């Protein structure tokens, strides 16, 4: 049985010779000896089992079989070059896919991904909203490449980068007796019913309220809803209770007021990922993230 493996250089010799109409000119273009090109083409013809060129004193031209072969070979080389470019781009993080888990609202870290997309527009992003604990689990299971969360869980192999802190604000109806306050303590809201999201930051905010209120001997009344932050704010306007949001609002919303919380009422944002994740797009994102912060990366070691 004829051996089918062929050195790709032989294809290049044949394609360049056809382009220049001469082994001599092809050799000059490739900066090799003419004998190297002519022997390479002859070797290829033997492997293919057909003459690819008619040879004469005037030069060379493809035979009918050679013409068909070279058309197919050209298509193959185009695909190969494209595949090589794509592989190299993927290795540099310029193309590929990146799955991102998030318990933090996108508005709080959107600027990071705007910067990332300017440099790596070829990377496809998939955003998956979840709680902090669920997002952390997805990172460990390698179902997402990175997660933006508000709390760190000590697990082996997890690395983290602090992205900053965002203030917490109470959202009250405009008719509320405290609507005119410049700042509110959590204790001043102990009689309120807090409506929070069951996903995203909802559980983290509930835990924060519980820690703060138990110091004064009370427990917060919390209702978790499968609703977006926008829906919760509209529910506040309709009198269902009050809610807590993170980050300053970009616009006023009818029927409600946003009042900063006093004391240590802020949410830290962290990017977390597995140290063993080889995705080049992840490394590219982390490079962009580290450009915007001077806080060093922390390696978390602990329970697996």
Protein backbone atom coordinates (compact mmCIF):
# COMPACT_ATOMS: atom_id res chain seq x y z
CA UNK A 1 0.00 0.00 0.00
CA UNK A 2 1.35 3.43 -0.99
CA UNK A 3 2.44 5.62 1.88
CA UNK A 4 0.16 8.68 2.00
CA UNK A 5 2.05 10.90 4.46
CA UNK A 6 3.59 13.82 2.57
CA UNK A 7 5.87 16.61 3.72
CA UNK A 8 3.92 19.85 3.50
CA UNK A 9 6.96 21.51 1.97
CA UNK A 10 6.33 19.47 -1.17
CA UNK A 11 2.91 21.07 -1.54
CA UNK A 12 4.47 24.49 -1.12
CA UNK A 13 7.06 23.72 -3.81
CA UNK A 14 4.29 22.72 -6.23
CA UNK A 15 2.02 25.68 -5.44
CA UNK A 16 4.85 28.21 -5.73
CA UNK A 17 6.09 26.64 -8.98
CA UNK A 18 2.62 26.87 -10.49
CA UNK A 19 2.35 30.48 -9.39
CA UNK A 20 5.71 31.46 -10.99
CA UNK A 21 5.61 29.11 -13.99
CA UNK A 22 9.18 27.98 -13.32
CA UNK A 23 11.09 25.87 -10.84
CA UNK A 24 13.93 28.42 -11.00
CA UNK A 25 11.72 31.39 -10.16
CA UNK A 26 9.93 29.39 -7.48
CA UNK A 27 13.28 28.50 -5.91
CA UNK A 28 14.31 32.15 -5.92
CA UNK A 29 11.03 33.17 -4.30
CA UNK A 30 11.45 30.52 -1.58
CA UNK A 31 15.19 31.15 -1.19
CA UNK A 32 16.16 27.52 -1.84
CA UNK A 33 18.06 25.69 -4.56
CA UNK A 34 16.29 25.00 -7.86
CA UNK A 35 17.19 21.33 -7.54
CA UNK A 36 15.42 21.24 -4.17
CA UNK A 37 12.20 22.49 -5.75
CA UNK A 38 12.34 20.24 -8.80
CA UNK A 39 13.13 17.15 -6.69
CA UNK A 40 10.39 18.06 -4.24
CA UNK A 41 7.79 18.37 -7.01
CA UNK A 42 8.93 15.06 -8.54
CA UNK A 43 8.65 13.42 -5.11
CA UNK A 44 5.13 14.80 -4.75
CA UNK A 45 4.16 13.48 -8.19
CA UNK A 46 5.39 10.04 -7.20
CA UNK A 47 3.34 10.17 -4.00
CA UNK A 48 0.24 11.40 -5.82
CA UNK A 49 0.68 8.97 -8.69
CA UNK A 50 0.25 11.53 -11.48
CA UNK A 51 2.31 14.11 -13.33
CA UNK A 52 1.39 17.55 -12.06
CA UNK A 53 3.39 19.66 -14.53
CA UNK A 54 4.33 19.67 -18.19
CA UNK A 55 7.99 20.58 -18.44
CA UNK A 56 9.60 22.40 -21.38
CA UNK A 57 12.45 24.80 -22.13
CA UNK A 58 9.92 27.67 -21.77
CA UNK A 59 9.08 26.63 -18.21
CA UNK A 60 6.32 24.56 -16.63
CA UNK A 61 2.56 24.50 -16.65
CA UNK A 62 0.09 22.29 -14.78
CA UNK A 63 -1.32 19.20 -16.46
CA UNK A 64 -5.12 18.74 -16.28
CA UNK A 65 -4.59 16.41 -13.32
CA UNK A 66 -2.15 18.88 -11.80
CA UNK A 67 -4.52 21.79 -12.28
CA UNK A 68 -7.28 19.99 -10.37
CA UNK A 69 -4.86 18.82 -7.70
CA UNK A 70 -3.45 22.30 -7.16
CA UNK A 71 -6.91 23.87 -6.85
CA UNK A 72 -7.78 21.39 -4.09
CA UNK A 73 -4.38 21.79 -2.46
CA UNK A 74 -4.78 25.58 -2.44
CA UNK A 75 -8.11 25.23 -0.62
CA UNK A 76 -6.48 22.89 1.86
CA UNK A 77 -3.63 25.31 2.52
CA UNK A 78 -6.07 28.17 2.99
CA UNK A 79 -7.92 26.13 5.62
CA UNK A 80 -4.63 25.15 7.25
CA UNK A 81 -3.39 28.75 7.41
CA UNK A 82 -6.71 29.89 8.86
CA UNK A 83 -6.62 27.08 11.42
CA UNK A 84 -3.08 28.05 12.41
CA UNK A 85 -4.03 31.72 12.75
CA UNK A 86 -7.06 30.81 14.85
CA UNK A 87 -5.04 28.48 17.06
CA UNK A 88 -2.39 31.16 17.61
CA UNK A 89 -5.06 33.79 18.30
CA UNK A 90 -6.77 31.46 20.76
CA UNK A 91 -3.46 30.82 22.52
CA UNK A 92 -2.99 34.59 22.86
CA UNK A 93 -6.51 34.95 24.23
CA UNK A 94 -7.68 36.92 21.17
CA UNK A 95 -10.25 34.29 20.21
CA UNK A 96 -12.04 31.50 22.01
CA UNK A 97 -14.71 31.32 24.69
CA UNK A 98 -14.96 32.56 28.26
CA UNK A 99 -17.68 31.50 30.69
CA UNK A 100 -18.23 34.01 33.50
CA UNK A 101 -20.22 33.39 36.66
CA UNK A 102 -21.46 36.41 38.59
CA UNK A 103 -23.27 37.13 41.82
CA UNK A 104 -22.48 40.84 41.45
CA UNK A 105 -24.63 43.00 39.11
CA UNK A 106 -22.98 43.44 35.72
CA UNK A 107 -23.16 47.23 36.03
CA UNK A 108 -20.56 47.04 38.81
CA UNK A 109 -17.91 45.24 36.76
CA UNK A 110 -19.04 46.00 33.22
CA UNK A 111 -16.16 48.42 32.69
CA UNK A 112 -13.70 45.54 33.10
CA UNK A 113 -15.33 43.60 30.28
CA UNK A 114 -15.59 46.67 28.08
CA UNK A 115 -11.81 47.01 28.36
CA UNK A 116 -11.40 43.28 27.74
CA UNK A 117 -13.57 43.28 24.61
CA UNK A 118 -11.65 46.20 23.12
CA UNK A 119 -8.50 44.08 23.22
CA UNK A 120 -10.06 40.66 22.63
CA UNK A 121 -13.17 41.20 20.52
CA UNK A 122 -12.90 37.67 19.11
CA UNK A 123 -13.61 36.01 22.47
CA UNK A 124 -17.21 34.89 22.97
CA UNK A 125 -18.53 35.61 26.47
CA UNK A 126 -21.19 33.66 28.33
CA UNK A 127 -22.55 35.26 31.51
CA UNK A 128 -24.18 33.07 34.17
CA UNK A 129 -25.90 34.83 37.10
CA UNK A 130 -25.99 32.96 40.38
CA UNK A 131 -25.38 33.34 44.09
CA UNK A 132 -21.84 33.75 45.39
CA UNK A 133 -21.70 30.21 46.77
CA UNK A 134 -23.09 28.70 43.56
CA UNK A 135 -20.74 30.77 41.39
CA UNK A 136 -17.79 29.63 43.50
CA UNK A 137 -18.86 26.02 43.06
CA UNK A 138 -19.08 26.48 39.28
CA UNK A 139 -15.50 27.76 39.27
CA UNK A 140 -14.28 24.69 41.18
CA UNK A 141 -16.20 22.40 38.85
CA UNK A 142 -14.65 24.25 35.86
CA UNK A 143 -18.14 24.92 34.51
CA UNK A 144 -17.17 28.60 34.38
CA UNK A 145 -13.69 30.00 33.87
CA UNK A 146 -14.01 32.91 36.29
CA UNK A 147 -16.60 34.31 38.66
CA UNK A 148 -17.19 37.82 40.01
CA UNK A 149 -18.36 37.37 43.58
CA UNK A 150 -18.77 39.24 46.87
CA UNK A 151 -17.33 36.66 49.25
CA UNK A 152 -14.35 34.31 49.29
CA UNK A 153 -14.54 30.65 50.22
CA UNK A 154 -11.24 29.02 51.17
CA UNK A 155 -10.76 26.14 48.78
CA UNK A 156 -7.60 24.61 47.41
CA UNK A 157 -6.52 25.72 43.97
CA UNK A 158 -8.69 28.85 43.94
CA UNK A 159 -7.06 32.18 43.23
CA UNK A 160 -8.58 35.60 43.65
CA UNK A 161 -8.13 39.21 42.65
CA UNK A 162 -9.75 42.04 44.57
CA UNK A 163 -11.62 44.31 42.15
CA UNK A 164 -12.77 46.97 44.61
CA UNK A 165 -15.64 47.83 46.93
CA UNK A 166 -19.09 49.24 46.25
CA UNK A 167 -21.38 51.01 48.76
CA UNK A 168 -24.70 49.58 49.86
CA UNK A 169 -27.79 51.78 49.63
CA UNK A 170 -31.27 51.40 51.06
CA UNK A 171 -34.12 51.80 48.58
CA UNK A 172 -37.21 53.32 50.22
CA UNK A 173 -40.56 54.52 48.87
CA UNK A 174 -40.66 58.29 48.46
CA UNK A 175 -43.53 58.34 50.96
CA UNK A 176 -41.38 56.69 53.66
CA UNK A 177 -40.80 58.70 56.83
CA UNK A 178 -37.03 58.35 56.41
CA UNK A 179 -37.02 59.25 52.69
CA UNK A 180 -35.34 62.59 53.39
CA UNK A 181 -32.40 61.16 55.34
CA UNK A 182 -28.89 61.72 53.97
CA UNK A 183 -27.66 58.45 55.50
CA UNK A 184 -29.29 55.58 57.38
CA UNK A 185 -27.94 52.97 59.78
CA UNK A 186 -29.14 49.42 59.39
CA UNK A 187 -30.49 49.58 62.94
CA UNK A 188 -32.83 52.40 61.86
CA UNK A 189 -34.41 49.97 59.40
CA UNK A 190 -34.94 47.12 61.86
CA UNK A 191 -38.72 47.41 61.64
CA UNK A 192 -38.75 47.13 57.87
CA UNK A 193 -39.42 44.13 55.66
CA UNK A 194 -36.50 43.65 53.30
CA UNK A 195 -37.27 42.24 49.87
CA UNK A 196 -34.19 40.74 48.26
CA UNK A 197 -33.36 38.59 45.27
CA UNK A 198 -32.97 34.86 45.84
CA UNK A 199 -30.11 34.96 43.33
CA UNK A 200 -27.19 37.31 42.79
CA UNK A 201 -26.24 39.29 45.88
CA UNK A 202 -29.52 38.65 47.72
CA UNK A 203 -28.17 35.98 50.10
CA UNK A 204 -24.97 37.99 50.74
CA UNK A 205 -26.98 41.10 51.64
CA UNK A 206 -29.26 39.02 53.87
CA UNK A 207 -26.19 37.67 55.72
CA UNK A 208 -24.83 41.21 56.09
CA UNK A 209 -28.13 42.47 57.53
CA UNK A 210 -28.28 39.52 59.93
CA UNK A 211 -24.75 40.11 61.23
CA UNK A 212 -25.37 43.80 61.77
CA UNK A 213 -28.79 43.48 63.39
CA UNK A 214 -27.98 40.60 65.73
CA UNK A 215 -25.46 42.89 67.42
CA UNK A 216 -28.40 44.98 68.60
CA UNK A 217 -30.51 41.96 69.48
CA UNK A 218 -32.86 41.91 66.49
CA UNK A 219 -33.36 39.75 63.43
CA UNK A 220 -34.10 41.24 59.99
CA UNK A 221 -37.37 40.36 58.32
CA UNK A 222 -36.28 39.19 54.88
CA UNK A 223 -38.31 37.95 51.93
CA UNK A 224 -36.41 36.38 49.05
CA UNK A 225 -37.99 36.74 45.62
CA UNK A 226 -37.02 35.27 42.27
CA UNK A 227 -36.96 38.74 40.81
CA UNK A 228 -34.41 41.07 39.26
CA UNK A 229 -33.11 44.16 41.04
CA UNK A 230 -35.22 46.33 38.73
CA UNK A 231 -38.36 44.41 39.68
CA UNK A 232 -37.52 44.66 43.38
CA UNK A 233 -37.16 48.44 43.11
CA UNK A 234 -40.56 48.64 41.43
CA UNK A 235 -41.98 46.50 44.23
CA UNK A 236 -40.54 48.99 46.75
CA UNK A 237 -42.34 51.80 44.91
CA UNK A 238 -45.55 49.76 45.21
CA UNK A 239 -45.18 49.38 48.99
CA UNK A 240 -43.95 45.77 49.32
CA UNK A 241 -41.07 46.76 51.60
CA UNK A 242 -37.56 48.14 51.23
CA UNK A 243 -34.55 46.68 49.48
CA UNK A 244 -30.79 47.08 49.45
CA UNK A 245 -28.78 47.68 46.30
CA UNK A 246 -25.05 47.80 45.73
CA UNK A 247 -23.44 50.62 43.79
CA UNK A 248 -24.73 54.09 43.17
CA UNK A 249 -27.67 54.28 40.74
CA UNK A 250 -27.02 55.84 37.35
CA UNK A 251 -30.46 57.42 37.10
CA UNK A 252 -33.38 58.44 39.28
CA UNK A 253 -36.34 56.09 39.45
CA UNK A 254 -39.87 57.26 40.05
CA UNK A 255 -41.40 56.43 43.43
CA UNK A 256 -38.22 55.54 45.33
CA UNK A 257 -35.18 57.14 46.95
CA UNK A 258 -31.67 55.74 47.36
CA UNK A 259 -30.01 56.43 50.71
CA UNK A 260 -26.44 55.32 51.57
CA UNK A 261 -26.08 53.05 54.58
CA UNK A 262 -23.89 54.23 57.44
CA UNK A 263 -20.97 52.34 58.94
CA UNK A 264 -19.10 49.50 57.25
CA UNK A 265 -21.76 48.85 54.65
CA UNK A 266 -19.98 47.94 51.45
CA UNK A 267 -19.61 44.87 49.28
CA UNK A 268 -16.18 43.72 48.15
CA UNK A 269 -15.88 42.41 44.61
CA UNK A 270 -13.53 39.56 43.78
CA UNK A 271 -12.62 37.71 40.64
CA UNK A 272 -11.99 34.04 41.41
CA UNK A 273 -10.70 31.25 39.18
CA UNK A 274 -8.95 27.90 39.36
CA UNK A 275 -5.18 27.99 39.22
CA UNK A 276 -5.26 24.86 37.01
CA UNK A 277 -7.49 26.45 34.33
CA UNK A 278 -5.39 26.75 31.12
CA UNK A 279 -7.89 28.83 29.08
CA UNK A 280 -5.84 31.57 27.34
CA UNK A 281 -8.91 33.84 27.29
CA UNK A 282 -8.98 33.65 31.11
CA UNK A 283 -5.33 34.69 31.30
CA UNK A 284 -6.07 37.60 28.95
CA UNK A 285 -8.97 38.74 31.15
CA UNK A 286 -6.83 38.58 34.27
CA UNK A 287 -4.15 40.66 32.58
CA UNK A 288 -6.76 43.34 31.85
CA UNK A 289 -8.11 43.11 35.41
CA UNK A 290 -4.66 43.47 36.92
CA UNK A 291 -4.01 46.56 34.82
CA UNK A 292 -6.86 48.34 36.60
CA UNK A 293 -5.88 47.44 40.16
CA UNK A 294 -2.69 47.57 42.19
CA UNK A 295 -3.90 45.05 44.75
CA UNK A 296 -1.85 41.84 44.39
CA UNK A 297 -3.40 38.53 43.55
CA UNK A 298 -4.04 36.29 46.54
CA UNK A 299 -3.71 32.54 46.49
CA UNK A 300 -6.29 30.91 48.68
CA UNK A 301 -5.23 27.66 50.29
CA UNK A 302 -7.43 25.62 52.53
CA UNK A 303 -10.10 22.96 52.40
CA UNK A 304 -10.63 21.10 49.15
